[in-house]
Amino acid sequence: MVLVSGRVVSASTAARSVGVLEGQRRRSAQSMCPEAAVLERDEAVEARGFESVVAALSDITPWVEVQRPGTCAFGVRGPVRLFGGEVPLVDNTAAVVRKALDETLGEGTHPGCLIGVADGPFAAGLAARSVDGKAVLVPAGGTPGFLAPFPVSVLERPDLADVLVRLGLTTLGALAALPVADVVGRFGSEGLVAQRLAAGIDGHQLHVGGQPPDLAVGIEMDPPVERIDQVAFTARSLAGSLHDGLARRGLACRRVVVAAETGHGERLVRRWRDEGAIGAVALADRVRWQLEGWLNGPPGVRPTSGLVRLDLVPEELVHAGSHQAGFWGGATAADERALRALNRVASMLGPGSVRVSEWRGGRDPAEQMALVAVPEGPVAGSVDGSIPVVPHPADRPPWPGAVPAPSPAAVHAEPAAVEVLDVAGRTVTVDGRGVVSAEPVRLRQGGGTGVGVVSWAGPWPVEERWWDPSRHRRRACMQVVSDDGMARLLVLEEGCWRVAATYD
């Protein structure tokens, strides 16, 4: 299983056969298939494998746009005439993709592909995911009705969706029915884009559009490069130059053409797009993913020699100057400047170089927070772009079995062993019912007399993964305050007490 933010984004055939679904939480998925290996998403690896699929789709049409590794789109107006209708086009597309996946991953190791046809890429993407394993063809002109019952969360604009839900606009149909002037007056350009998506008007056509040549950036490479590590820093710098050049003109792009030339004269071209304006980090990621696909992809799609030139050409330009505050107060100018600075550093140093805390949930303090790559900065018209913050404990969702508030100030990577003693000098234990053998009166670490216990709370027993003997875990947590003024979180597991965290 492959996870992103604790949810399943991909699962093997065996895992799906026992009920594991895309979007399922990790705990639920593991309870259904405990023997499955759990992996974090690696989009560079996905880009290598997906390049063979995109290259194979050139047999259908040359105008394929990649949205991210694993997802692409193309206009069907021309191909429909060549294949004699939408159904034959879908069948041929599925066969081409299946053959490419068989050659790349192996026959029988993948679920195939999801295909949707609609009046625009956004609706087509929802159609592809709406019925598992079957292609969905939305009739021409039927896109607004198809989109109407979907929740506003599918817009993938969480801040805007939160405001809309607070206002009672929970579906795309409700958003599409509002007067355009009212939406623009309240939410700005971001709201207008969202409403057009909700109404089935994607606002663009999938074809090549010319742009002024001075906006493109390129670089010559001598000697030719054949490895991603040789060109990664150059590609990030080039992406940063393109983004800065657009920003100086008050512009951003929704589509970028990544073009490369090899020492043998081969011309490699791929188009990447986003429904919103592509920021600095996202732009650098897309260039890196494409280079991964070309230089490290399957043998059939690799160039025959090293790259001697790399060009980035922006397409579908949009204005990047508007910003609308959030419903309950938006980000300050200082927050926006700080986040843009973090994004700029991340674009120069590479993905994952700048990280921020993200709430993940869990019973132990060590599981509740994770360091993740800094998210993309506020794009044009964002509703509430701000630096991510750790939610206040009162705002966190309840987690059964979790240690109660307050949260500790420091969680130890290597918990130190400690003795918890009663008045007779015996080790305090916790039985199967969660009852302590005696009141703790002293903590001792190593030699010496240790410190006295002033107050204590707990214990809180936890039993996890009882269905899997190899990963079954039982423990009990206790909060103690000692006479030296220190508050500690102790964990008893396998007969040994350890200091898991400390409080201010």
Protein backbone atom coordinates (compact mmCIF):
# COMPACT_ATOMS: atom_id res chain seq x y z
CA MET A 1 0.00 0.00 0.00
CA VAL A 2 1.18 3.52 -0.80
CA LEU A 3 0.14 6.26 1.62
CA VAL A 4 -0.04 10.05 1.56
CA SER A 5 -0.92 11.85 4.81
CA GLY A 6 -2.12 8.62 6.37
CA ARG A 7 -4.51 7.66 3.54
CA VAL A 8 -4.21 4.99 0.87
CA VAL A 9 -3.52 6.33 -2.64
CA SER A 10 -2.60 2.99 -4.22
CA ALA A 11 -2.92 -0.66 -3.26
CA SER A 12 -1.82 -3.98 -4.70
CA THR A 13 -4.24 -6.42 -6.28
CA ALA A 14 -4.10 -8.65 -3.19
CA ALA A 15 -4.89 -5.73 -0.86
CA ARG A 16 -7.81 -4.59 -3.00
CA SER A 17 -9.20 -8.11 -3.08
CA VAL A 18 -9.73 -8.02 0.71
CA GLY A 19 -11.42 -4.61 0.68
CA VAL A 20 -8.63 -2.00 0.81
CA LEU A 21 -9.85 1.15 -0.98
CA GLU A 22 -8.24 4.32 -2.24
CA GLY A 23 -8.69 7.10 0.33
CA GLN A 24 -8.98 4.65 3.25
CA ARG A 25 -7.20 5.49 6.49
CA ARG A 26 -4.06 3.59 7.34
CA ARG A 27 -5.42 1.87 10.43
CA SER A 28 -8.49 0.59 8.63
CA ALA A 29 -6.46 -0.61 5.65
CA GLN A 30 -3.93 -2.41 7.85
CA SER A 31 -6.67 -4.15 9.81
CA MET A 32 -7.97 -5.60 6.51
CA CYS A 33 -4.56 -6.54 5.13
CA PRO A 34 -1.96 -6.61 7.95
CA GLU A 35 0.64 -8.43 5.84
CA ALA A 36 0.80 -5.67 3.20
CA ALA A 37 3.94 -3.53 3.07
CA VAL A 38 3.27 0.16 3.75
CA LEU A 39 5.22 2.70 1.70
CA GLU A 40 5.25 6.48 1.55
CA ARG A 41 4.62 7.99 -1.85
CA ASP A 42 7.71 8.58 -4.02
CA GLU A 43 6.65 10.72 -6.97
CA ALA A 44 10.08 10.51 -8.60
CA VAL A 45 9.68 6.74 -8.90
CA GLU A 46 6.13 7.20 -10.18
CA ALA A 47 7.36 9.68 -12.79
CA ARG A 48 9.85 7.16 -14.17
CA GLY A 49 7.20 4.52 -14.68
CA PHE A 50 4.50 6.90 -15.88
CA GLU A 51 6.66 8.31 -18.67
CA SER A 52 6.24 5.06 -20.59
CA VAL A 53 2.45 5.47 -20.39
CA VAL A 54 2.53 9.07 -21.61
CA ALA A 55 4.89 8.12 -24.43
CA ALA A 56 2.57 5.26 -25.46
CA LEU A 57 -0.39 7.65 -25.58
CA SER A 58 1.30 9.47 -28.46
CA ASP A 59 -0.26 6.71 -30.60
CA ILE A 60 -3.63 8.22 -29.66
CA THR A 61 -2.77 11.95 -29.77
CA PRO A 62 0.38 14.08 -29.51
CA TRP A 63 -1.34 16.64 -27.24
CA VAL A 64 -1.12 14.85 -23.89
CA GLU A 65 -0.92 17.01 -20.76
CA VAL A 66 0.51 15.51 -17.57
CA GLN A 67 -1.05 16.82 -14.36
CA ARG A 68 1.11 14.75 -12.01
CA PRO A 69 2.70 11.29 -12.15
CA GLY A 70 -0.20 8.92 -12.74
CA THR A 71 -2.68 11.44 -14.14
CA CYS A 72 -2.87 12.96 -17.61
CA ALA A 73 -5.50 14.31 -20.01
CA PHE A 74 -5.99 15.08 -23.69
CA GLY A 75 -8.69 16.61 -25.86
CA VAL A 76 -10.88 14.06 -27.64
CA ARG A 77 -12.31 16.18 -30.45
CA GLY A 78 -9.66 15.08 -32.97
CA PRO A 79 -9.08 11.48 -31.78
CA VAL A 80 -12.85 10.78 -31.73
CA ARG A 81 -13.01 11.28 -35.49
CA LEU A 82 -10.00 9.02 -36.04
CA PHE A 83 -11.35 6.15 -33.92
CA GLY A 84 -15.01 6.44 -34.89
CA GLY A 85 -16.58 7.55 -31.61
CA GLU A 86 -15.96 7.98 -27.90
CA VAL A 87 -16.45 4.32 -26.96
CA PRO A 88 -13.85 3.00 -29.48
CA LEU A 89 -11.50 5.81 -28.38
CA VAL A 90 -11.85 4.80 -24.72
CA ASP A 91 -11.32 1.12 -25.56
CA ASN A 92 -8.19 1.86 -27.59
CA THR A 93 -6.82 4.21 -24.92
CA ALA A 94 -7.34 1.60 -22.21
CA ALA A 95 -5.61 -1.04 -24.35
CA VAL A 96 -2.61 1.24 -25.01
CA VAL A 97 -2.24 2.11 -21.33
CA ARG A 98 -2.65 -1.51 -20.23
CA LYS A 99 0.06 -2.65 -22.64
CA ALA A 100 2.45 0.06 -21.44
CA LEU A 101 1.81 -0.86 -17.80
CA ASP A 102 2.31 -4.57 -18.54
CA GLU A 103 5.68 -3.83 -20.14
CA THR A 104 6.74 -1.54 -17.29
CA LEU A 105 5.33 -3.25 -14.20
CA GLY A 106 4.59 -6.77 -15.37
CA GLU A 107 1.37 -8.38 -16.48
CA GLY A 108 -1.18 -8.91 -13.70
CA THR A 109 0.60 -6.63 -11.21
CA HIS A 110 -1.57 -3.54 -11.71
CA PRO A 111 -5.30 -2.70 -11.79
CA GLY A 112 -5.22 -1.05 -15.21
CA CYS A 113 -6.38 2.54 -15.62
CA LEU A 114 -9.34 4.78 -14.87
CA ILE A 115 -10.78 6.78 -17.77
CA GLY A 116 -13.36 9.55 -17.78
CA VAL A 117 -14.71 11.65 -20.64
CA ALA A 118 -16.45 14.98 -20.03
CA ASP A 119 -16.58 18.55 -21.28
CA GLY A 120 -13.41 19.48 -19.35
CA PRO A 121 -10.41 17.90 -17.58
CA PHE A 122 -11.76 18.57 -14.07
CA ALA A 123 -15.06 16.80 -14.72
CA ALA A 124 -13.27 14.04 -16.65
CA GLY A 125 -11.03 13.40 -13.64
CA LEU A 126 -14.03 13.06 -11.32
CA ALA A 127 -15.76 10.81 -13.85
CA ALA A 128 -12.72 8.53 -13.99
CA ARG A 129 -12.75 8.13 -10.19
CA SER A 130 -16.51 7.93 -9.69
CA VAL A 131 -16.95 4.27 -10.68
CA ASP A 132 -14.14 1.90 -9.75
CA GLY A 133 -12.77 -0.04 -12.72
CA LYS A 134 -15.19 1.34 -15.33
CA ALA A 135 -14.88 4.19 -17.81
CA VAL A 136 -17.50 6.92 -17.37
CA LEU A 137 -18.59 8.97 -20.38
CA VAL A 138 -20.50 12.12 -19.47
CA PRO A 139 -22.71 13.20 -22.41
CA ALA A 140 -21.87 16.48 -24.11
CA GLY A 141 -23.62 19.26 -22.21
CA GLY A 142 -24.34 17.02 -19.23
CA THR A 143 -21.30 18.03 -17.19
CA PRO A 144 -23.08 20.57 -14.90
CA GLY A 145 -25.65 17.97 -13.89
CA PHE A 146 -22.96 15.34 -13.36
CA LEU A 147 -20.91 17.67 -11.12
CA ALA A 148 -23.82 19.08 -9.11
CA PRO A 149 -23.99 16.42 -6.31
CA PHE A 150 -20.23 16.32 -5.64
CA PRO A 151 -19.05 17.98 -2.39
CA VAL A 152 -17.01 21.18 -2.64
CA SER A 153 -14.03 19.31 -1.17
CA VAL A 154 -13.34 17.80 -4.63
CA LEU A 155 -12.17 21.26 -5.74
CA GLU A 156 -8.97 20.52 -3.73
CA ARG A 157 -9.03 24.03 -2.33
CA PRO A 158 -9.42 23.27 1.39
CA ASP A 159 -9.50 26.87 2.63
CA LEU A 160 -12.16 27.86 0.11
CA ALA A 161 -14.14 24.67 0.75
CA ASP A 162 -14.10 25.36 4.50
CA VAL A 163 -15.57 28.82 3.94
CA LEU A 164 -18.20 27.50 1.52
CA VAL A 165 -19.33 24.80 3.96
CA ARG A 166 -19.62 27.40 6.73
CA LEU A 167 -21.88 29.39 4.42
CA GLY A 168 -24.05 26.34 3.71
CA LEU A 169 -22.73 25.76 0.17
CA THR A 170 -21.79 22.11 0.47
CA THR A 171 -22.10 20.92 -3.16
CA LEU A 172 -20.73 22.01 -6.51
CA GLY A 173 -24.29 22.55 -7.74
CA ALA A 174 -24.96 25.06 -4.95
CA LEU A 175 -21.76 26.95 -5.79
CA ALA A 176 -22.49 26.96 -9.53
CA ALA A 177 -25.99 28.38 -8.93
CA LEU A 178 -24.70 31.57 -7.24
CA PRO A 179 -24.54 34.83 -9.20
CA VAL A 180 -21.07 35.28 -10.68
CA ALA A 181 -20.79 38.87 -9.43
CA ASP A 182 -21.46 37.79 -5.84
CA VAL A 183 -18.85 35.04 -6.00
CA VAL A 184 -16.20 37.36 -7.42
CA GLY A 185 -17.06 40.08 -4.89
CA ARG A 186 -16.65 37.70 -1.94
CA PHE A 187 -13.92 35.28 -3.05
CA GLY A 188 -12.06 37.07 -5.84
CA SER A 189 -10.42 35.28 -8.75
CA GLU A 190 -10.03 32.04 -6.80
CA GLY A 191 -13.77 31.88 -6.23
CA LEU A 192 -14.42 32.57 -9.90
CA VAL A 193 -12.14 29.71 -10.95
CA ALA A 194 -13.83 27.37 -8.46
CA GLN A 195 -17.30 28.34 -9.66
CA ARG A 196 -16.35 27.78 -13.29
CA LEU A 197 -15.06 24.33 -12.37
CA ALA A 198 -18.27 23.60 -10.46
CA ALA A 199 -20.33 24.66 -13.47
CA GLY A 200 -18.31 22.46 -15.85
CA ILE A 201 -16.45 25.39 -17.44
CA ASP A 202 -12.78 24.57 -17.00
CA GLY A 203 -11.70 27.82 -18.60
CA HIS A 204 -9.16 26.28 -20.98
CA GLN A 205 -8.90 23.98 -23.94
CA LEU A 206 -6.35 21.19 -24.18
CA HIS A 207 -4.22 22.45 -27.05
CA VAL A 208 -0.98 24.34 -27.58
CA GLY A 209 -1.28 28.10 -27.19
CA GLY A 210 1.44 30.51 -28.29
CA GLN A 211 3.13 32.79 -25.75
CA PRO A 212 5.58 35.66 -26.18
CA PRO A 213 9.03 34.11 -26.71
CA ASP A 214 10.77 36.31 -24.11
CA LEU A 215 8.97 34.47 -21.29
CA ALA A 216 10.68 31.15 -22.03
CA VAL A 217 13.93 30.22 -20.31
CA GLY A 218 16.57 27.75 -21.43
CA ILE A 219 20.10 26.59 -20.80
CA GLU A 220 22.82 24.82 -22.79
CA MET A 221 24.61 21.89 -21.15
CA ASP A 222 28.14 21.02 -22.15
CA PRO A 223 29.16 18.24 -21.81
CA PRO A 224 25.83 16.39 -22.31
CA VAL A 225 24.24 15.12 -19.11
CA GLU A 226 22.87 11.60 -18.73
CA ARG A 227 22.08 11.39 -15.00
CA ILE A 228 19.43 13.17 -12.99
CA ASP A 229 21.90 14.19 -10.28
CA GLN A 230 23.93 16.08 -12.91
CA VAL A 231 21.00 18.22 -14.04
CA ALA A 232 18.82 18.43 -10.90
CA PHE A 233 20.28 21.68 -9.54
CA THR A 234 20.30 23.27 -13.01
CA ALA A 235 16.65 22.31 -13.51
CA ARG A 236 15.63 23.79 -10.14
CA SER A 237 17.47 27.03 -10.92
CA LEU A 238 15.86 27.22 -14.35
CA ALA A 239 12.40 26.66 -12.84
CA GLY A 240 13.09 29.39 -10.30
CA SER A 241 14.17 31.78 -13.06
CA LEU A 242 10.97 31.14 -15.00
CA HIS A 243 8.80 31.66 -11.91
CA ASP A 244 10.63 34.87 -10.95
CA GLY A 245 10.38 36.21 -14.50
CA LEU A 246 6.63 35.66 -14.54
CA ALA A 247 6.24 37.12 -11.05
CA ARG A 248 8.01 40.33 -12.09
CA ARG A 249 5.32 40.78 -14.74
CA GLY A 250 2.53 39.96 -12.28
CA LEU A 251 1.88 36.66 -14.05
CA ALA A 252 1.75 32.93 -13.35
CA CYS A 253 1.21 29.98 -15.65
CA ARG A 254 -1.12 27.00 -15.53
CA ARG A 255 0.80 24.94 -18.05
CA VAL A 256 4.50 24.59 -18.70
CA VAL A 257 6.23 22.91 -21.62
CA VAL A 258 9.38 21.00 -20.64
CA ALA A 259 11.53 20.55 -23.75
CA ALA A 260 14.95 18.96 -24.06
CA GLU A 261 17.38 18.28 -26.88
CA THR A 262 19.85 15.40 -26.93
CA GLY A 263 23.32 15.14 -28.40
CA HIS A 264 21.87 13.05 -31.26
CA GLY A 265 19.39 15.77 -32.19
CA GLU A 266 16.34 14.16 -30.54
CA ARG A 267 13.68 16.64 -29.42
CA LEU A 268 11.80 15.65 -26.25
CA VAL A 269 8.67 17.61 -25.33
CA ARG A 270 6.16 17.13 -22.55
CA ARG A 271 3.41 19.40 -21.20
CA TRP A 272 2.55 19.66 -17.50
CA ARG A 273 -0.44 21.52 -16.14
CA ASP A 274 -2.25 22.45 -12.96
CA GLU A 275 -5.80 23.71 -12.48
CA GLY A 276 -4.35 26.62 -10.47
CA ALA A 277 -1.30 28.76 -11.04
CA ILE A 278 1.89 26.69 -10.78
CA GLY A 279 4.06 28.01 -7.95
CA ALA A 280 7.84 27.89 -7.65
CA VAL A 281 8.05 24.56 -5.78
CA ALA A 282 5.41 22.88 -7.96
CA LEU A 283 7.19 24.07 -11.09
CA ALA A 284 10.54 22.70 -9.90
CA ASP A 285 8.85 19.39 -8.97
CA ARG A 286 7.29 18.99 -12.42
CA VAL A 287 10.59 19.65 -14.19
CA ARG A 288 12.36 17.16 -11.93
CA TRP A 289 9.65 14.52 -12.44
CA GLN A 290 9.90 14.88 -16.20
CA LEU A 291 13.69 14.58 -16.18
CA GLU A 292 13.32 11.49 -13.97
CA GLY A 293 11.00 10.00 -16.57
CA TRP A 294 13.36 10.74 -19.45
CA LEU A 295 16.71 9.90 -17.88
CA ASN A 296 15.72 7.08 -15.48
CA GLY A 297 12.60 5.72 -17.14
CA PRO A 298 12.18 2.37 -18.91
CA PRO A 299 14.64 1.66 -21.74
CA GLY A 300 12.02 2.25 -24.42
CA VAL A 301 11.56 5.92 -23.48
CA ARG A 302 15.11 6.93 -22.56
CA PRO A 303 16.95 9.17 -25.04
CA THR A 304 19.83 7.63 -26.98
CA SER A 305 22.31 10.22 -25.70
CA GLY A 306 22.72 12.87 -23.02
CA LEU A 307 20.79 16.13 -22.86
CA VAL A 308 22.49 19.20 -24.33
CA ARG A 309 19.70 21.74 -23.82
CA LEU A 310 16.73 22.24 -21.51
CA ASP A 311 13.92 24.75 -22.15
CA LEU A 312 10.86 25.76 -20.12
CA VAL A 313 8.03 27.53 -21.93
CA PRO A 314 5.05 28.89 -19.92
CA GLU A 315 1.58 28.56 -21.39
CA GLU A 316 -1.89 29.64 -20.26
CA LEU A 317 -0.78 32.74 -18.38
CA VAL A 318 -2.96 34.16 -15.61
CA HIS A 319 -2.69 37.25 -13.44
CA ALA A 320 -1.05 36.61 -10.09
CA GLY A 321 -1.89 39.70 -8.12
CA SER A 322 -5.22 39.21 -6.35
CA HIS A 323 -5.73 37.89 -2.84
CA GLN A 324 -8.89 37.53 -0.74
CA ALA A 325 -8.75 37.21 3.04
CA GLY A 326 -10.28 34.16 4.72
CA PHE A 327 -13.75 34.17 6.23
CA TRP A 328 -12.44 34.40 9.79
CA GLY A 329 -9.40 36.53 8.97
CA GLY A 330 -6.71 35.78 6.43
CA ALA A 331 -2.96 35.51 6.46
CA THR A 332 -0.91 38.57 7.28
CA ALA A 333 1.52 40.08 4.80
CA ALA A 334 4.38 38.83 6.99
CA ASP A 335 3.01 35.28 6.83
CA GLU A 336 2.82 35.44 3.05
CA ARG A 337 6.36 36.82 2.73
CA ALA A 338 7.67 34.12 5.06
CA LEU A 339 5.93 31.34 3.14
CA ARG A 340 7.18 32.67 -0.18
CA ALA A 341 10.69 32.75 1.26
CA LEU A 342 10.36 29.13 2.43
CA ASN A 343 9.10 28.11 -1.01
CA ARG A 344 12.03 29.88 -2.63
CA VAL A 345 14.53 28.08 -0.39
CA ALA A 346 12.80 24.76 -1.08
CA SER A 347 12.99 25.37 -4.84
CA MET A 348 16.74 25.99 -4.59
CA LEU A 349 17.63 23.17 -2.18
CA GLY A 350 15.29 20.55 -3.55
CA PRO A 351 12.15 18.72 -2.41
CA GLY A 352 11.96 17.93 1.29
CA SER A 353 14.74 20.35 2.24
CA VAL A 354 12.36 22.69 4.13
CA ARG A 355 9.94 21.00 6.48
CA VAL A 356 7.15 22.07 8.81
CA SER A 357 5.11 20.26 11.45
CA GLU A 358 1.89 18.55 10.42
CA TRP A 359 -0.72 16.99 12.69
CA ARG A 360 -1.16 13.29 11.88
CA GLY A 361 -2.99 11.97 14.93
CA GLY A 362 -2.14 8.94 17.03
CA ARG A 363 -2.10 7.67 20.60
CA ASP A 364 1.53 8.39 21.43
CA PRO A 365 2.97 11.93 21.24
CA ALA A 366 5.72 10.60 18.96
CA GLU A 367 3.08 9.56 16.40
CA GLN A 368 0.94 12.70 16.50
CA MET A 369 3.24 15.08 14.65
CA ALA A 370 5.34 14.63 11.52
CA LEU A 371 7.73 16.87 9.63
CA VAL A 372 6.56 17.31 6.04
CA ALA A 373 7.82 19.33 3.11
CA VAL A 374 6.65 22.93 3.21
CA PRO A 375 3.50 23.21 1.07
CA GLU A 376 3.17 25.32 -2.02
CA GLY A 377 2.88 29.02 -1.20
CA PRO A 378 -0.33 31.01 -1.70
CA VAL A 379 -1.12 31.17 -5.39
CA ALA A 380 -3.08 33.78 -7.27
CA GLY A 381 -6.35 34.50 -5.48
CA SER A 382 -5.83 31.99 -2.67
CA VAL A 383 -8.49 32.25 -0.01
CA ASP A 384 -6.34 31.88 3.07
CA GLY A 385 -2.72 31.22 2.17
CA SER A 386 -0.63 31.01 5.33
CA ILE A 387 2.19 29.12 6.95
CA PRO A 388 0.89 25.80 8.29
CA VAL A 389 0.58 25.74 12.08
CA VAL A 390 0.11 22.98 14.60
CA PRO A 391 -3.58 22.90 15.59
CA HIS A 392 -4.50 23.79 19.15
CA PRO A 393 -5.29 20.66 21.22
CA ALA A 394 -8.90 21.81 21.51
CA ASP A 395 -9.20 21.82 17.72
CA ARG A 396 -7.74 18.35 17.20
CA PRO A 397 -10.11 15.49 16.47
CA PRO A 398 -10.56 12.95 19.29
CA TRP A 399 -8.28 9.92 19.15
CA PRO A 400 -9.36 6.91 21.25
CA GLY A 401 -6.65 5.81 23.66
CA ALA A 402 -4.53 8.95 23.25
CA VAL A 403 -2.71 10.47 26.20
CA PRO A 404 -4.84 13.39 27.46
CA ALA A 405 -3.78 17.03 27.22
CA PRO A 406 -1.56 18.87 27.74
CA SER A 407 0.83 17.75 25.06
CA PRO A 408 4.47 17.31 26.08
CA ALA A 409 7.01 19.94 25.08
CA ALA A 410 9.71 17.47 24.01
CA VAL A 411 9.32 13.92 22.67
CA HIS A 412 12.50 11.85 23.01
CA ALA A 413 13.78 10.00 19.97
CA GLU A 414 15.42 7.44 22.27
CA PRO A 415 13.38 7.10 25.50
CA ALA A 416 15.60 6.53 28.53
CA ALA A 417 14.93 3.61 30.88
CA VAL A 418 13.81 4.56 34.39
CA GLU A 419 12.69 2.76 37.53
CA VAL A 420 9.30 3.62 39.02
CA LEU A 421 9.26 2.54 42.69
CA ASP A 422 6.64 2.33 45.44
CA VAL A 423 7.12 3.18 49.10
CA ALA A 424 8.67 -0.25 49.74
CA GLY A 425 11.19 0.14 46.93
CA ARG A 426 9.42 -2.32 44.62
CA THR A 427 8.86 -1.67 40.92
CA VAL A 428 5.37 -0.37 40.15
CA THR A 429 3.52 -2.53 37.63
CA VAL A 430 0.24 -2.29 35.71
CA ASP A 431 -2.03 -5.31 35.39
CA GLY A 432 -4.26 -6.32 32.48
CA ARG A 433 -7.14 -4.25 33.83
CA GLY A 434 -5.04 -1.08 33.87
CA VAL A 435 -4.60 -0.94 37.66
CA VAL A 436 -1.24 -0.01 39.24
CA SER A 437 0.25 -2.36 41.82
CA ALA A 438 1.01 0.54 44.20
CA GLU A 439 1.27 4.32 44.26
CA PRO A 440 4.56 5.53 42.69
CA VAL A 441 6.71 7.53 45.10
CA ARG A 442 10.16 7.64 43.45
CA LEU A 443 11.82 7.69 40.03
CA ARG A 444 15.35 6.42 39.64
CA GLN A 445 17.51 6.46 36.52
CA GLY A 446 20.82 4.63 36.68
CA GLY A 447 22.30 4.81 40.16
CA GLY A 448 21.58 7.18 43.01
CA THR A 449 18.51 7.90 45.07
CA GLY A 450 16.51 9.44 42.24
CA VAL A 451 13.70 11.98 42.68
CA GLY A 452 10.45 11.83 44.57
CA VAL A 453 7.05 11.76 42.89
CA VAL A 454 4.85 14.70 43.91
CA SER A 455 1.79 13.78 41.82
CA TRP A 456 0.83 11.38 39.09
CA ALA A 457 -2.03 10.57 36.70
CA GLY A 458 -2.99 7.44 34.82
CA PRO A 459 -2.22 4.85 33.81
CA TRP A 460 -3.75 4.77 30.31
CA PRO A 461 -3.43 1.24 28.90
CA VAL A 462 -3.35 0.72 25.13
CA GLU A 463 -3.46 -2.49 23.11
CA GLU A 464 -2.80 -2.20 19.35
CA ARG A 465 -2.85 -4.59 16.36
CA TRP A 466 -4.24 -7.48 18.37
CA TRP A 467 -5.07 -9.18 15.06
CA ASP A 468 -1.39 -9.39 14.03
CA PRO A 469 0.83 -11.39 16.41
CA SER A 470 4.02 -10.10 14.80
CA ARG A 471 3.10 -6.47 15.53
CA HIS A 472 0.87 -6.84 18.59
CA ARG A 473 1.72 -4.12 21.10
CA ARG A 474 0.59 -3.52 24.71
CA ARG A 475 1.70 -0.60 26.85
CA ALA A 476 0.56 1.80 29.56
CA CYS A 477 1.28 5.52 29.88
CA MET A 478 1.53 7.59 33.08
CA GLN A 479 2.13 11.29 33.76
CA VAL A 480 4.25 12.09 36.82
CA VAL A 481 5.54 15.29 38.43
CA SER A 482 8.70 14.95 40.54
CA ASP A 483 9.99 17.09 43.38
CA ASP A 484 12.64 18.62 41.11
CA GLY A 485 9.86 20.42 39.21
CA MET A 486 10.04 18.20 36.14
CA ALA A 487 6.92 16.66 34.55
CA ARG A 488 7.42 13.45 32.56
CA LEU A 489 5.41 11.07 30.41
CA LEU A 490 6.33 7.48 31.30
CA VAL A 491 5.54 4.43 29.20
CA LEU A 492 5.55 0.85 30.52
CA GLU A 493 6.13 -1.73 27.79
CA GLU A 494 7.42 -5.29 28.07
CA GLY A 495 8.05 -4.80 31.80
CA CYS A 496 10.27 -1.71 31.38
CA TRP A 497 9.44 1.92 32.23
CA ARG A 498 10.84 4.61 29.91
CA VAL A 499 10.68 8.41 29.81
CA ALA A 500 8.91 9.01 26.49
CA ALA A 501 8.52 12.79 26.78
CA THR A 502 8.84 15.76 29.12
CA TYR A 503 6.58 18.76 29.81
CA ASP A 504 7.40 22.41 30.36
